[in-house]
Amino acid sequence: MNRHHITGTLGCLSVLYVLYGIAGLRWNFSLCLPTGLWRVTHEQIDRGSYVTLMEPIKQVAALPGDTVMFTARGVYVNGQLWPQSAPVGPNHYPFTTMVLQPGQYLLMGRHPLSWDGRYGGWTTATIIASTARPLWVKSR
């Protein structure tokens, strides 16, 4: 490895550090939401908010106080079927109806194969790292 290659590699890593760390930008590779560049924010969590976890970005489908029903047809939030939310395979969250309690959120994707609340149920606020807003995303 020559000196120019090492310098170039260090330069690229520095730019990535700035984009991911200081600028708060994330690239979403997941198919469950639009692929593209997202900016990490720290806004109040509302229904429809996008949030980051350890890596994937998911959308908040239900908030504390909302009624969530898990069925074979899909996940209903306050009586409305979440698009493309029918579970695939037997490893889904148990079919049940519940009212989310304080600190509980239902996170969902928009892809029929998204790994989201239809399999894990509700999520605690403690694993949500931040909110996010799309800066540039690929349209479907």
Foldseek 3Di string as FASTA:
>chain_A
DDPVVVVVVVVVVVVVCCQVPVQQKAFAPDPLAFTGIKHFDADDQDQQWWFAFPHHIWGFHDAAQWKWFQDQVAIDTNRRHQALGRDDDDQFDDGDIDGHHHQWTFTGGNHNPDDGCRRVNIDGNVRTPTTMDGPDGDDD
